[in-house]
Protein backbone atom coordinates (compact mmCIF):
# COMPACT_ATOMS: atom_id res chain seq x y z
CA UNK A 1 0.06 0.02 0.01
CA UNK A 2 1.37 3.47 -0.98
CA UNK A 3 1.30 6.51 1.11
CA UNK A 4 -1.60 7.78 -0.71
CA UNK A 5 -3.63 4.84 0.24
CA UNK A 6 -2.51 5.06 3.61
CA UNK A 7 -3.58 8.27 4.19
CA UNK A 8 -6.93 7.63 2.23
CA UNK A 9 -7.78 4.84 4.60
CA UNK A 10 -6.48 6.95 7.80
CA UNK A 11 -8.61 9.75 6.55
CA UNK A 12 -11.93 7.66 6.24
CA UNK A 13 -11.32 6.40 10.09
CA UNK A 14 -11.48 10.42 11.16
CA UNK A 15 -14.35 11.21 8.52
CA UNK A 16 -16.47 8.72 10.51
CA UNK A 17 -15.54 9.68 14.08
CA UNK A 18 -15.65 13.27 12.80
CA UNK A 19 -19.29 12.51 11.48
CA UNK A 20 -20.52 10.81 14.46
CA UNK A 21 -19.20 13.70 16.86
CA UNK A 22 -21.29 16.42 15.04
CA UNK A 23 -24.22 13.85 14.71
CA UNK A 24 -24.03 13.38 18.54
CA UNK A 25 -24.15 17.12 18.93
CA UNK A 26 -27.03 17.44 17.25
CA UNK A 27 -25.92 19.27 14.18
CA UNK A 28 -28.52 18.47 11.57
CA UNK A 29 -28.21 16.05 8.65
CA UNK A 30 -27.48 18.75 6.34
CA UNK A 31 -25.08 20.64 7.81
CA UNK A 32 -22.79 17.28 8.83
CA UNK A 33 -22.94 16.40 5.09
CA UNK A 34 -21.50 19.66 4.16
CA UNK A 35 -18.52 19.58 6.82
CA UNK A 36 -18.14 16.19 5.88
CA UNK A 37 -17.84 16.99 1.85
CA UNK A 38 -15.81 20.29 2.86
CA UNK A 39 -13.08 18.23 4.77
CA UNK A 40 -12.72 15.46 2.83
CA UNK A 41 -11.84 17.52 -0.30
CA UNK A 42 -9.05 19.13 1.83
CA UNK A 43 -8.05 15.74 3.70
CA UNK A 44 -8.15 13.51 0.60
CA UNK A 45 -8.34 15.77 -2.33
CA UNK A 46 -5.45 18.38 -1.18
CA UNK A 47 -3.62 17.15 1.64
CA UNK A 48 -3.33 13.38 0.33
CA UNK A 49 -3.61 13.87 -2.94
CA UNK A 50 -0.93 17.20 -3.64
CA UNK A 51 0.93 17.05 -0.56
CA UNK A 52 1.22 13.67 0.83
CA UNK A 53 0.29 14.91 3.81
CA UNK A 54 -2.18 13.78 7.00
CA UNK A 55 -4.40 16.20 8.40
CA UNK A 56 -2.53 16.66 12.02
CA UNK A 57 0.10 17.30 10.21
CA UNK A 58 -0.97 20.37 8.23
CA UNK A 59 -0.14 23.84 8.93
CA UNK A 60 -0.99 27.27 8.10
CA UNK A 61 0.47 26.85 4.95
CA UNK A 62 -1.21 24.07 3.67
CA UNK A 63 -4.48 25.65 4.57
CA UNK A 64 -3.75 28.57 3.05
CA UNK A 65 -2.52 26.59 -0.11
CA UNK A 66 -5.80 24.30 0.13
CA UNK A 67 -7.65 27.79 -0.22
CA UNK A 68 -5.95 28.95 -3.06
CA UNK A 69 -6.05 25.78 -4.82
CA UNK A 70 -10.33 25.68 -4.28
CA UNK A 71 -10.39 29.26 -5.30
CA UNK A 72 -8.00 28.66 -8.48
CA UNK A 73 -10.15 25.53 -9.47
CA UNK A 74 -13.30 27.35 -9.14
CA UNK A 75 -14.24 25.21 -6.42
CA UNK A 76 -15.83 27.83 -4.56
CA UNK A 77 -18.13 29.86 -7.13
CA UNK A 78 -19.43 31.80 -3.98
CA UNK A 79 -17.87 33.62 -1.16
CA UNK A 80 -20.20 31.67 1.07
CA UNK A 81 -18.27 28.14 0.17
CA UNK A 82 -15.31 29.50 1.09
CA UNK A 83 -16.57 30.62 4.04
CA UNK A 84 -18.18 27.59 5.23
CA UNK A 85 -14.97 25.18 3.85
CA UNK A 86 -12.77 27.81 6.26
CA UNK A 87 -15.80 27.06 9.27
CA UNK A 88 -15.50 23.25 8.33
CA UNK A 89 -11.91 23.39 8.40
CA UNK A 90 -12.07 25.19 12.26
CA UNK A 91 -14.40 22.73 13.83
CA UNK A 92 -12.46 19.92 12.56
CA UNK A 93 -9.26 21.05 13.46
CA UNK A 94 -10.74 21.75 17.03
CA UNK A 95 -12.24 18.05 16.92
CA UNK A 96 -9.07 16.51 16.40
CA UNK A 97 -7.43 18.29 19.38
CA UNK A 98 -9.96 17.55 21.78
CA UNK A 99 -9.33 13.95 20.58
CA UNK A 100 -5.92 14.27 21.01
CA UNK A 101 -5.00 13.55 17.66
CA UNK A 102 -3.18 16.54 16.75
CA UNK A 103 -0.81 18.60 19.49
CA UNK A 104 -0.36 21.81 18.32
CA UNK A 105 -2.95 24.74 18.60
CA UNK A 106 -5.74 25.50 16.35
CA UNK A 107 -4.21 28.94 16.16
CA UNK A 108 -1.40 27.60 14.05
CA UNK A 109 -3.89 26.29 11.26
CA UNK A 110 -6.04 28.90 10.80
């Protein structure tokens, strides 16, 4: 198994745990799906695909690169999509910190 496939497997586990966490907190299904979609794009398409990096190893430069990557590819065709992605990223990284998956502060990410 290559690095990319390994990262996808690990990311799938994180996504399932994150989805369960959001659902347990009473977040509606549509909003949960939106967050999962945004985070899949970040951790699978950008971090694993382009950077070969796990989400907990990302720093603010990777997140900035992701947002620029999305803008360059017209992934977010409205400002609201970009704001939604930034919100999802913040919530995801707060979750990773809370669960002890990552050690650094969220302030270093966003």
